[in-house]
């Protein structure tokens, strides 16, 4: 039996595919949203844009914007005991809305 590959998108068919009603390009307001340093964001990978997508392990993680790098944002995410810096475009970021309501 040949050896299987474990590439960048390995085991991510369900995670990195859109539902039928979500297919197509998002609206412009999504891309026009400006993030400032210190803003909290959720990493929500959009499978339409493969080249700028972060690794699937960061899907759903909450991070803090620490800067810009060209058109992309640098986001710090805590994974275990480490802080990782992820460089990604706003296609894969969603503003964080806290769940703490009284």
PDB file of N, CA and C in Angstrom:
ATOM      1  N   UNK A   1       0.848  -1.182   0.000  1.00  0.00           N
ATOM      2  CA  UNK A   1       0.000   0.000   0.000  1.00  0.00           C
ATOM      3  C   UNK A   1       0.898   1.251   0.000  1.00  0.00           C
ATOM      4  N   UNK A   2       0.611   2.230  -0.884  1.00  0.00           N
ATOM      5  CA  UNK A   2       1.460   3.429  -0.926  1.00  0.00           C
ATOM      6  C   UNK A   2       1.287   4.298   0.324  1.00  0.00           C
ATOM      7  N   UNK A   3       2.338   5.044   0.629  1.00  0.00           N
ATOM      8  CA  UNK A   3       2.314   5.907   1.805  1.00  0.00           C
ATOM      9  C   UNK A   3       1.403   7.110   1.554  1.00  0.00           C
ATOM     10  N   UNK A   4       0.557   7.432   2.533  1.00  0.00           N
ATOM     11  CA  UNK A   4      -0.373   8.558   2.390  1.00  0.00           C
ATOM     12  C   UNK A   4       0.316   9.871   2.706  1.00  0.00           C
ATOM     13  N   UNK A   5      -0.135  10.926   2.040  1.00  0.00           N
ATOM     14  CA  UNK A   5       0.407  12.240   2.330  1.00  0.00           C
ATOM     15  C   UNK A   5      -0.411  12.886   3.441  1.00  0.00           C
ATOM     16  N   UNK A   6       0.224  13.742   4.195  1.00  0.00           N
ATOM     17  CA  UNK A   6      -0.440  14.479   5.268  1.00  0.00           C
ATOM     18  C   UNK A   6      -0.170  15.956   5.035  1.00  0.00           C
ATOM     19  N   UNK A   7      -0.765  16.484   3.985  1.00  0.00           N
ATOM     20  CA  UNK A   7      -0.508  17.851   3.551  1.00  0.00           C
ATOM     21  C   UNK A   7      -1.138  18.911   4.452  1.00  0.00           C
ATOM     22  N   UNK A   8      -1.070  20.141   3.971  1.00  0.00           N
ATOM     23  CA  UNK A   8      -1.496  21.312   4.737  1.00  0.00           C
ATOM     24  C   UNK A   8      -2.989  21.280   5.062  1.00  0.00           C
ATOM     25  N   UNK A   9      -3.798  20.711   4.170  1.00  0.00           N
ATOM     26  CA  UNK A   9      -5.245  20.675   4.372  1.00  0.00           C
ATOM     27  C   UNK A   9      -5.740  19.261   4.680  1.00  0.00           C
ATOM     28  N   UNK A  10      -4.862  18.433   5.223  1.00  0.00           N
ATOM     29  CA  UNK A  10      -5.187  17.049   5.559  1.00  0.00           C
ATOM     30  C   UNK A  10      -6.305  16.978   6.595  1.00  0.00           C
ATOM     31  N   UNK A  11      -7.297  16.128   6.365  1.00  0.00           N
ATOM     32  CA  UNK A  11      -8.443  15.911   7.260  1.00  0.00           C
ATOM     33  C   UNK A  11      -9.262  17.177   7.485  1.00  0.00           C
ATOM     34  N   UNK A  12      -9.486  17.950   6.441  1.00  0.00           N
ATOM     35  CA  UNK A  12     -10.192  19.212   6.642  1.00  0.00           C
ATOM     36  C   UNK A  12     -11.341  19.404   5.658  1.00  0.00           C
ATOM     37  N   UNK A  13     -11.844  18.332   5.094  1.00  0.00           N
ATOM     38  CA  UNK A  13     -12.898  18.466   4.094  1.00  0.00           C
ATOM     39  C   UNK A  13     -14.137  19.162   4.661  1.00  0.00           C
ATOM     40  N   UNK A  14     -14.571  18.753   5.828  1.00  0.00           N
ATOM     41  CA  UNK A  14     -15.773  19.362   6.402  1.00  0.00           C
ATOM     42  C   UNK A  14     -15.497  20.780   6.915  1.00  0.00           C
ATOM     43  N   UNK A  15     -14.344  20.960   7.528  1.00  0.00           N
ATOM     44  CA  UNK A  15     -13.975  22.251   8.106  1.00  0.00           C
ATOM     45  C   UNK A  15     -13.781  23.325   7.037  1.00  0.00           C
ATOM     46  N   UNK A  16     -13.140  22.968   5.927  1.00  0.00           N
ATOM     47  CA  UNK A  16     -12.790  23.947   4.902  1.00  0.00           C
ATOM     48  C   UNK A  16     -13.670  23.826   3.662  1.00  0.00           C
ATOM     49  N   UNK A  17     -14.950  23.588   3.847  1.00  0.00           N
ATOM     50  CA  UNK A  17     -15.891  23.619   2.720  1.00  0.00           C
ATOM     51  C   UNK A  17     -17.099  24.433   3.157  1.00  0.00           C
ATOM     52  N   UNK A  18     -17.699  25.112   2.197  1.00  0.00           N
ATOM     53  CA  UNK A  18     -18.841  25.969   2.504  1.00  0.00           C
ATOM     54  C   UNK A  18     -20.142  25.180   2.380  1.00  0.00           C
ATOM     55  N   UNK A  19     -21.138  25.617   3.119  1.00  0.00           N
ATOM     56  CA  UNK A  19     -22.474  25.052   2.990  1.00  0.00           C
ATOM     57  C   UNK A  19     -23.085  25.612   1.689  1.00  0.00           C
ATOM     58  N   UNK A  20     -24.059  24.942   1.102  1.00  0.00           N
ATOM     59  CA  UNK A  20     -24.599  25.394  -0.186  1.00  0.00           C
ATOM     60  C   UNK A  20     -25.065  26.843  -0.204  1.00  0.00           C
ATOM     61  N   UNK A  21     -25.660  27.355   0.867  1.00  0.00           N
ATOM     62  CA  UNK A  21     -26.168  28.724   0.859  1.00  0.00           C
ATOM     63  C   UNK A  21     -25.095  29.768   1.150  1.00  0.00           C
ATOM     64  N   UNK A  22     -23.893  29.321   1.506  1.00  0.00           N
ATOM     65  CA  UNK A  22     -22.797  30.250   1.778  1.00  0.00           C
ATOM     66  C   UNK A  22     -21.868  30.403   0.580  1.00  0.00           C
ATOM     67  N   UNK A  23     -22.116  29.638  -0.483  1.00  0.00           N
ATOM     68  CA  UNK A  23     -21.183  29.634  -1.608  1.00  0.00           C
ATOM     69  C   UNK A  23     -21.118  30.985  -2.296  1.00  0.00           C
ATOM     70  N   UNK A  24     -19.973  31.253  -2.911  1.00  0.00           N
ATOM     71  CA  UNK A  24     -19.774  32.514  -3.610  1.00  0.00           C
ATOM     72  C   UNK A  24     -18.951  33.468  -2.776  1.00  0.00           C
ATOM     73  N   UNK A  25     -18.732  34.650  -3.326  1.00  0.00           N
ATOM     74  CA  UNK A  25     -17.889  35.651  -2.680  1.00  0.00           C
ATOM     75  C   UNK A  25     -18.722  36.445  -1.679  1.00  0.00           C
ATOM     76  N   UNK A  26     -18.123  36.769  -0.521  1.00  0.00           N
ATOM     77  CA  UNK A  26     -18.812  37.568   0.496  1.00  0.00           C
ATOM     78  C   UNK A  26     -19.020  38.994   0.012  1.00  0.00           C
ATOM     79  N   UNK A  27     -19.847  39.738   0.741  1.00  0.00           N
ATOM     80  CA  UNK A  27     -20.107  41.134   0.403  1.00  0.00           C
ATOM     81  C   UNK A  27     -18.899  42.017   0.667  1.00  0.00           C
ATOM     82  N   UNK A  28     -18.947  43.227   0.146  1.00  0.00           N
ATOM     83  CA  UNK A  28     -17.824  44.155   0.281  1.00  0.00           C
ATOM     84  C   UNK A  28     -17.617  44.643   1.712  1.00  0.00           C
ATOM     85  N   UNK A  29     -18.688  44.777   2.478  1.00  0.00           N
ATOM     86  CA  UNK A  29     -18.564  45.308   3.837  1.00  0.00           C
ATOM     87  C   UNK A  29     -17.610  44.448   4.672  1.00  0.00           C
ATOM     88  N   UNK A  30     -17.513  43.176   4.356  1.00  0.00           N
ATOM     89  CA  UNK A  30     -16.628  42.258   5.068  1.00  0.00           C
ATOM     90  C   UNK A  30     -15.174  42.703   4.910  1.00  0.00           C
ATOM     91  N   UNK A  31     -14.810  43.091   3.681  1.00  0.00           N
ATOM     92  CA  UNK A  31     -13.427  43.453   3.409  1.00  0.00           C
ATOM     93  C   UNK A  31     -13.116  44.896   3.784  1.00  0.00           C
ATOM     94  N   UNK A  32     -14.129  45.745   3.857  1.00  0.00           N
ATOM     95  CA  UNK A  32     -13.908  47.144   4.181  1.00  0.00           C
ATOM     96  C   UNK A  32     -13.731  47.379   5.683  1.00  0.00           C
ATOM     97  N   UNK A  33     -14.009  46.361   6.496  1.00  0.00           N
ATOM     98  CA  UNK A  33     -13.888  46.499   7.944  1.00  0.00           C
ATOM     99  C   UNK A  33     -12.418  46.655   8.311  1.00  0.00           C
ATOM    100  N   UNK A  34     -12.088  47.687   9.075  1.00  0.00           N
ATOM    101  CA  UNK A  34     -10.711  47.956   9.490  1.00  0.00           C
ATOM    102  C   UNK A  34     -10.501  47.483  10.927  1.00  0.00           C
ATOM    103  N   UNK A  35      -9.450  46.710  11.135  1.00  0.00           N
ATOM    104  CA  UNK A  35      -9.093  46.276  12.482  1.00  0.00           C
ATOM    105  C   UNK A  35      -7.967  47.158  12.992  1.00  0.00           C
ATOM    106  N   UNK A  36      -8.039  47.525  14.266  1.00  0.00           N
ATOM    107  CA  UNK A  36      -6.990  48.331  14.891  1.00  0.00           C
ATOM    108  C   UNK A  36      -6.151  47.439  15.807  1.00  0.00           C
ATOM    109  N   UNK A  37      -4.963  47.896  16.132  1.00  0.00           N
ATOM    110  CA  UNK A  37      -4.130  47.131  17.056  1.00  0.00           C
ATOM    111  C   UNK A  37      -4.839  47.009  18.398  1.00  0.00           C
ATOM    112  N   UNK A  38      -4.840  45.816  18.940  1.00  0.00           N
ATOM    113  CA  UNK A  38      -5.503  45.564  20.214  1.00  0.00           C
ATOM    114  C   UNK A  38      -6.901  44.983  20.057  1.00  0.00           C
ATOM    115  N   UNK A  39      -7.464  45.019  18.841  1.00  0.00           N
ATOM    116  CA  UNK A  39      -8.786  44.436  18.602  1.00  0.00           C
ATOM    117  C   UNK A  39      -8.719  42.918  18.726  1.00  0.00           C
ATOM    118  N   UNK A  40      -9.750  42.351  19.328  1.00  0.00           N
ATOM    119  CA  UNK A  40      -9.842  40.888  19.398  1.00  0.00           C
ATOM    120  C   UNK A  40     -10.613  40.383  18.194  1.00  0.00           C
ATOM    121  N   UNK A  41     -10.102  39.324  17.580  1.00  0.00           N
ATOM    122  CA  UNK A  41     -10.721  38.762  16.382  1.00  0.00           C
ATOM    123  C   UNK A  41     -10.802  37.246  16.501  1.00  0.00           C
ATOM    124  N   UNK A  42     -11.752  36.682  15.768  1.00  0.00           N
ATOM    125  CA  UNK A  42     -11.887  35.232  15.666  1.00  0.00           C
ATOM    126  C   UNK A  42     -11.356  34.830  14.305  1.00  0.00           C
ATOM    127  N   UNK A  43     -10.529  33.795  14.261  1.00  0.00           N
ATOM    128  CA  UNK A  43     -10.034  33.292  12.989  1.00  0.00           C
ATOM    129  C   UNK A  43     -11.077  32.331  12.442  1.00  0.00           C
ATOM    130  N   UNK A  44     -11.695  32.730  11.337  1.00  0.00           N
ATOM    131  CA  UNK A  44     -12.731  31.932  10.673  1.00  0.00           C
ATOM    132  C   UNK A  44     -12.293  31.759   9.228  1.00  0.00           C
ATOM    133  N   UNK A  45     -11.711  30.610   8.915  1.00  0.00           N
ATOM    134  CA  UNK A  45     -11.115  30.384   7.602  1.00  0.00           C
ATOM    135  C   UNK A  45     -12.188  30.366   6.523  1.00  0.00           C
ATOM    136  N   UNK A  46     -11.993  31.207   5.501  1.00  0.00           N
ATOM    137  CA  UNK A  46     -12.877  31.229   4.343  1.00  0.00           C
ATOM    138  C   UNK A  46     -12.231  30.364   3.266  1.00  0.00           C
ATOM    139  N   UNK A  47     -12.833  29.214   2.913  1.00  0.00           N
ATOM    140  CA  UNK A  47     -12.199  28.297   1.972  1.00  0.00           C
ATOM    141  C   UNK A  47     -12.066  28.845   0.549  1.00  0.00           C
ATOM    142  N   UNK A  48     -12.706  29.993   0.262  1.00  0.00           N
ATOM    143  CA  UNK A  48     -12.582  30.585  -1.067  1.00  0.00           C
ATOM    144  C   UNK A  48     -11.154  31.056  -1.315  1.00  0.00           C
ATOM    145  N   UNK A  49     -10.493  31.556  -0.270  1.00  0.00           N
ATOM    146  CA  UNK A  49      -9.158  32.118  -0.405  1.00  0.00           C
ATOM    147  C   UNK A  49      -8.143  31.164   0.225  1.00  0.00           C
ATOM    148  N   UNK A  50      -7.592  30.268  -0.595  1.00  0.00           N
ATOM    149  CA  UNK A  50      -6.715  29.218  -0.085  1.00  0.00           C
ATOM    150  C   UNK A  50      -5.330  29.765   0.234  1.00  0.00           C
ATOM    151  N   UNK A  51      -4.840  30.668  -0.598  1.00  0.00           N
ATOM    152  CA  UNK A  51      -3.449  31.113  -0.497  1.00  0.00           C
ATOM    153  C   UNK A  51      -3.156  31.856   0.805  1.00  0.00           C
ATOM    154  N   UNK A  52      -4.115  32.617   1.304  1.00  0.00           N
ATOM    155  CA  UNK A  52      -3.886  33.420   2.507  1.00  0.00           C
ATOM    156  C   UNK A  52      -4.458  32.783   3.768  1.00  0.00           C
ATOM    157  N   UNK A  53      -4.958  31.575   3.661  1.00  0.00           N
ATOM    158  CA  UNK A  53      -5.613  30.928   4.798  1.00  0.00           C
ATOM    159  C   UNK A  53      -4.589  30.427   5.821  1.00  0.00           C
ATOM    160  N   UNK A  54      -4.849  30.651   7.115  1.00  0.00           N
ATOM    161  CA  UNK A  54      -3.974  30.060   8.135  1.00  0.00           C
ATOM    162  C   UNK A  54      -4.221  28.560   8.241  1.00  0.00           C
ATOM    163  N   UNK A  55      -3.379  27.878   8.976  1.00  0.00           N
ATOM    164  CA  UNK A  55      -3.521  26.435   9.155  1.00  0.00           C
ATOM    165  C   UNK A  55      -4.844  26.126   9.857  1.00  0.00           C
ATOM    166  N   UNK A  56      -5.394  24.980   9.586  1.00  0.00           N
ATOM    167  CA  UNK A  56      -6.709  24.631  10.133  1.00  0.00           C
ATOM    168  C   UNK A  56      -6.719  24.509  11.647  1.00  0.00           C
ATOM    169  N   UNK A  57      -5.548  24.341  12.279  1.00  0.00           N
ATOM    170  CA  UNK A  57      -5.521  24.240  13.747  1.00  0.00           C
ATOM    171  C   UNK A  57      -5.952  25.536  14.415  1.00  0.00           C
ATOM    172  N   UNK A  58      -5.898  26.667  13.667  1.00  0.00           N
ATOM    173  CA  UNK A  58      -6.265  27.959  14.237  1.00  0.00           C
ATOM    174  C   UNK A  58      -7.725  28.323  13.979  1.00  0.00           C
ATOM    175  N   UNK A  59      -8.484  27.461  13.313  1.00  0.00           N
ATOM    176  CA  UNK A  59      -9.895  27.734  13.036  1.00  0.00           C
ATOM    177  C   UNK A  59     -10.659  27.916  14.348  1.00  0.00           C
ATOM    178  N   UNK A  60     -11.361  29.045  14.474  1.00  0.00           N
ATOM    179  CA  UNK A  60     -12.177  29.305  15.659  1.00  0.00           C
ATOM    180  C   UNK A  60     -11.430  29.909  16.830  1.00  0.00           C
ATOM    181  N   UNK A  61     -10.134  30.080  16.710  1.00  0.00           N
ATOM    182  CA  UNK A  61      -9.350  30.645  17.812  1.00  0.00           C
ATOM    183  C   UNK A  61      -9.544  32.154  17.890  1.00  0.00           C
ATOM    184  N   UNK A  62      -9.482  32.682  19.113  1.00  0.00           N
ATOM    185  CA  UNK A  62      -9.581  34.122  19.332  1.00  0.00           C
ATOM    186  C   UNK A  62      -8.168  34.660  19.523  1.00  0.00           C
ATOM    187  N   UNK A  63      -7.860  35.744  18.817  1.00  0.00           N
ATOM    188  CA  UNK A  63      -6.538  36.343  18.912  1.00  0.00           C
ATOM    189  C   UNK A  63      -6.628  37.853  19.005  1.00  0.00           C
ATOM    190  N   UNK A  64      -5.477  38.492  19.113  1.00  0.00           N
ATOM    191  CA  UNK A  64      -5.389  39.943  19.218  1.00  0.00           C
ATOM    192  C   UNK A  64      -4.578  40.466  18.033  1.00  0.00           C
ATOM    193  N   UNK A  65      -5.102  41.492  17.359  1.00  0.00           N
ATOM    194  CA  UNK A  65      -4.380  42.107  16.251  1.00  0.00           C
ATOM    195  C   UNK A  65      -3.216  42.907  16.821  1.00  0.00           C
ATOM    196  N   UNK A  66      -1.996  42.613  16.331  1.00  0.00           N
ATOM    197  CA  UNK A  66      -0.818  43.325  16.836  1.00  0.00           C
ATOM    198  C   UNK A  66      -0.167  44.200  15.773  1.00  0.00           C
ATOM    199  N   UNK A  67      -0.643  44.127  14.538  1.00  0.00           N
ATOM    200  CA  UNK A  67      -0.055  44.975  13.508  1.00  0.00           C
ATOM    201  C   UNK A  67      -0.533  44.624  12.123  1.00  0.00           C
ATOM    202  N   UNK A  68       0.035  45.365  11.142  1.00  0.00           N
ATOM    203  CA  UNK A  68      -0.266  45.130   9.727  1.00  0.00           C
ATOM    204  C   UNK A  68       1.004  44.659   9.041  1.00  0.00           C
ATOM    205  N   UNK A  69       0.801  43.938   7.942  1.00  0.00           N
ATOM    206  CA  UNK A  69       1.920  43.521   7.104  1.00  0.00           C
ATOM    207  C   UNK A  69       1.398  43.539   5.677  1.00  0.00           C
ATOM    208  N   UNK A  70       1.545  44.690   5.010  1.00  0.00           N
ATOM    209  CA  UNK A  70       0.957  44.856   3.693  1.00  0.00           C
ATOM    210  C   UNK A  70      -0.552  44.934   3.829  1.00  0.00           C
ATOM    211  N   UNK A  71      -1.269  44.108   3.077  1.00  0.00           N
ATOM    212  CA  UNK A  71      -2.731  44.057   3.169  1.00  0.00           C
ATOM    213  C   UNK A  71      -3.196  43.137   4.290  1.00  0.00           C
ATOM    214  N   UNK A  72      -2.271  42.395   4.886  1.00  0.00           N
ATOM    215  CA  UNK A  72      -2.620  41.394   5.887  1.00  0.00           C
ATOM    216  C   UNK A  72      -2.480  41.959   7.303  1.00  0.00           C
ATOM    217  N   UNK A  73      -3.038  41.220   8.249  1.00  0.00           N
ATOM    218  CA  UNK A  73      -2.939  41.561   9.666  1.00  0.00           C
ATOM    219  C   UNK A  73      -2.093  40.505  10.364  1.00  0.00           C
ATOM    220  N   UNK A  74      -1.379  40.933  11.393  1.00  0.00           N
ATOM    221  CA  UNK A  74      -0.629  40.008  12.238  1.00  0.00           C
ATOM    222  C   UNK A  74      -1.458  39.804  13.494  1.00  0.00           C
ATOM    223  N   UNK A  75      -1.815  38.557  13.769  1.00  0.00           N
ATOM    224  CA  UNK A  75      -2.683  38.221  14.894  1.00  0.00           C
ATOM    225  C   UNK A  75      -1.923  37.295  15.836  1.00  0.00           C
ATOM    226  N   UNK A  76      -1.916  37.629  17.126  1.00  0.00           N
ATOM    227  CA  UNK A  76      -1.300  36.754  18.129  1.00  0.00           C
ATOM    228  C   UNK A  76      -2.364  35.842  18.710  1.00  0.00           C
ATOM    229  N   UNK A  77      -2.079  34.535  18.666  1.00  0.00           N
ATOM    230  CA  UNK A  77      -3.011  33.526  19.165  1.00  0.00           C
ATOM    231  C   UNK A  77      -2.279  32.663  20.173  1.00  0.00           C
ATOM    232  N   UNK A  78      -2.949  32.362  21.276  1.00  0.00           N
ATOM    233  CA  UNK A  78      -2.359  31.495  22.296  1.00  0.00           C
ATOM    234  C   UNK A  78      -2.738  30.047  21.995  1.00  0.00           C
ATOM    235  N   UNK A  79      -1.722  29.199  21.835  1.00  0.00           N
ATOM    236  CA  UNK A  79      -1.932  27.776  21.577  1.00  0.00           C
ATOM    237  C   UNK A  79      -1.163  27.015  22.634  1.00  0.00           C
ATOM    238  N   UNK A  80      -1.882  26.400  23.545  1.00  0.00           N
ATOM    239  CA  UNK A  80      -1.219  25.739  24.665  1.00  0.00           C
ATOM    240  C   UNK A  80      -0.539  26.790  25.523  1.00  0.00           C
ATOM    241  N   UNK A  81       0.748  26.654  25.754  1.00  0.00           N
ATOM    242  CA  UNK A  81       1.482  27.622  26.548  1.00  0.00           C
ATOM    243  C   UNK A  81       2.240  28.633  25.703  1.00  0.00           C
ATOM    244  N   UNK A  82       2.077  28.569  24.378  1.00  0.00           N
ATOM    245  CA  UNK A  82       2.848  29.435  23.487  1.00  0.00           C
ATOM    246  C   UNK A  82       1.968  30.483  22.840  1.00  0.00           C
ATOM    247  N   UNK A  83       2.601  31.573  22.420  1.00  0.00           N
ATOM    248  CA  UNK A  83       1.900  32.595  21.649  1.00  0.00           C
ATOM    249  C   UNK A  83       2.414  32.519  20.223  1.00  0.00           C
ATOM    250  N   UNK A  84       1.511  32.318  19.280  1.00  0.00           N
ATOM    251  CA  UNK A  84       1.869  32.210  17.865  1.00  0.00           C
ATOM    252  C   UNK A  84       1.431  33.469  17.145  1.00  0.00           C
ATOM    253  N   UNK A  85       2.201  33.887  16.162  1.00  0.00           N
ATOM    254  CA  UNK A  85       1.840  35.027  15.330  1.00  0.00           C
ATOM    255  C   UNK A  85       1.381  34.499  13.984  1.00  0.00           C
ATOM    256  N   UNK A  86       0.165  34.871  13.600  1.00  0.00           N
ATOM    257  CA  UNK A  86      -0.408  34.429  12.339  1.00  0.00           C
ATOM    258  C   UNK A  86      -0.580  35.640  11.438  1.00  0.00           C
ATOM    259  N   UNK A  87      -0.095  35.542  10.215  1.00  0.00           N
ATOM    260  CA  UNK A  87      -0.242  36.615   9.234  1.00  0.00           C
ATOM    261  C   UNK A  87      -1.320  36.166   8.254  1.00  0.00           C
ATOM    262  N   UNK A  88      -2.435  36.894   8.235  1.00  0.00           N
ATOM    263  CA  UNK A  88      -3.541  36.523   7.353  1.00  0.00           C
ATOM    264  C   UNK A  88      -4.317  37.757   6.925  1.00  0.00           C
ATOM    265  N   UNK A  89      -5.026  37.619   5.830  1.00  0.00           N
ATOM    266  CA  UNK A  89      -5.819  38.728   5.300  1.00  0.00           C
ATOM    267  C   UNK A  89      -7.161  38.806   6.020  1.00  0.00           C
ATOM    268  N   UNK A  90      -7.884  39.932   5.887  1.00  0.00           N
ATOM    269  CA  UNK A  90      -9.164  40.075   6.583  1.00  0.00           C
ATOM    270  C   UNK A  90     -10.240  39.101   6.110  1.00  0.00           C
ATOM    271  N   UNK A  91      -9.980  38.356   5.030  1.00  0.00           N
ATOM    272  CA  UNK A  91     -10.943  37.352   4.560  1.00  0.00           C
ATOM    273  C   UNK A  91     -11.188  36.291   5.623  1.00  0.00           C
ATOM    274  N   UNK A  92     -10.204  36.060   6.472  1.00  0.00           N
ATOM    275  CA  UNK A  92     -10.270  34.978   7.447  1.00  0.00           C
ATOM    276  C   UNK A  92     -10.451  35.486   8.876  1.00  0.00           C
ATOM    277  N   UNK A  93     -10.819  36.761   9.027  1.00  0.00           N
ATOM    278  CA  UNK A  93     -10.998  37.337  10.358  1.00  0.00           C
ATOM    279  C   UNK A  93     -12.425  37.829  10.553  1.00  0.00           C
ATOM    280  N   UNK A  94     -12.929  37.664  11.766  1.00  0.00           N
ATOM    281  CA  UNK A  94     -14.265  38.129  12.145  1.00  0.00           C
ATOM    282  C   UNK A  94     -14.114  38.875  13.461  1.00  0.00           C
ATOM    283  N   UNK A  95     -14.750  40.047  13.623  1.00  0.00           N
ATOM    284  CA  UNK A  95     -14.656  40.746  14.908  1.00  0.00           C
ATOM    285  C   UNK A  95     -15.196  39.883  16.040  1.00  0.00           C
ATOM    286  N   UNK A  96     -14.516  39.901  17.188  1.00  0.00           N
ATOM    287  CA  UNK A  96     -14.907  39.088  18.338  1.00  0.00           C
ATOM    288  C   UNK A  96     -16.006  39.809  19.111  1.00  0.00           C
ATOM    289  N   UNK A  97     -17.097  39.104  19.352  1.00  0.00           N
ATOM    290  CA  UNK A  97     -18.183  39.638  20.185  1.00  0.00           C
ATOM    291  C   UNK A  97     -18.202  38.800  21.439  1.00  0.00           C
ATOM    292  N   UNK A  98     -17.968  39.427  22.594  1.00  0.00           N
ATOM    293  CA  UNK A  98     -17.879  38.654  23.838  1.00  0.00           C
ATOM    294  C   UNK A  98     -19.248  38.068  24.188  1.00  0.00           C
ATOM    295  N   UNK A  99     -19.223  36.925  24.866  1.00  0.00           N
ATOM    296  CA  UNK A  99     -20.440  36.223  25.224  1.00  0.00           C
ATOM    297  C   UNK A  99     -20.889  36.560  26.634  1.00  0.00           C
ATOM    298  N   UNK A 100     -20.134  37.423  27.327  1.00  0.00           N
ATOM    299  CA  UNK A 100     -20.445  37.745  28.717  1.00  0.00           C
ATOM    300  C   UNK A 100     -21.563  38.773  28.828  1.00  0.00           C
ATOM    301  N   UNK A 101     -22.803  38.318  28.932  1.00  0.00           N
ATOM    302  CA  UNK A 101     -23.935  39.213  29.116  1.00  0.00           C
ATOM    303  C   UNK A 101     -24.605  38.939  30.452  1.00  0.00           C
ATOM    304  N   UNK A 102     -25.099  39.974  31.129  1.00  0.00           N
ATOM    305  CA  UNK A 102     -25.708  39.783  32.452  1.00  0.00           C
ATOM    306  C   UNK A 102     -27.173  39.520  32.361  1.00  0.00           C
TER     307      UNK A 102
END
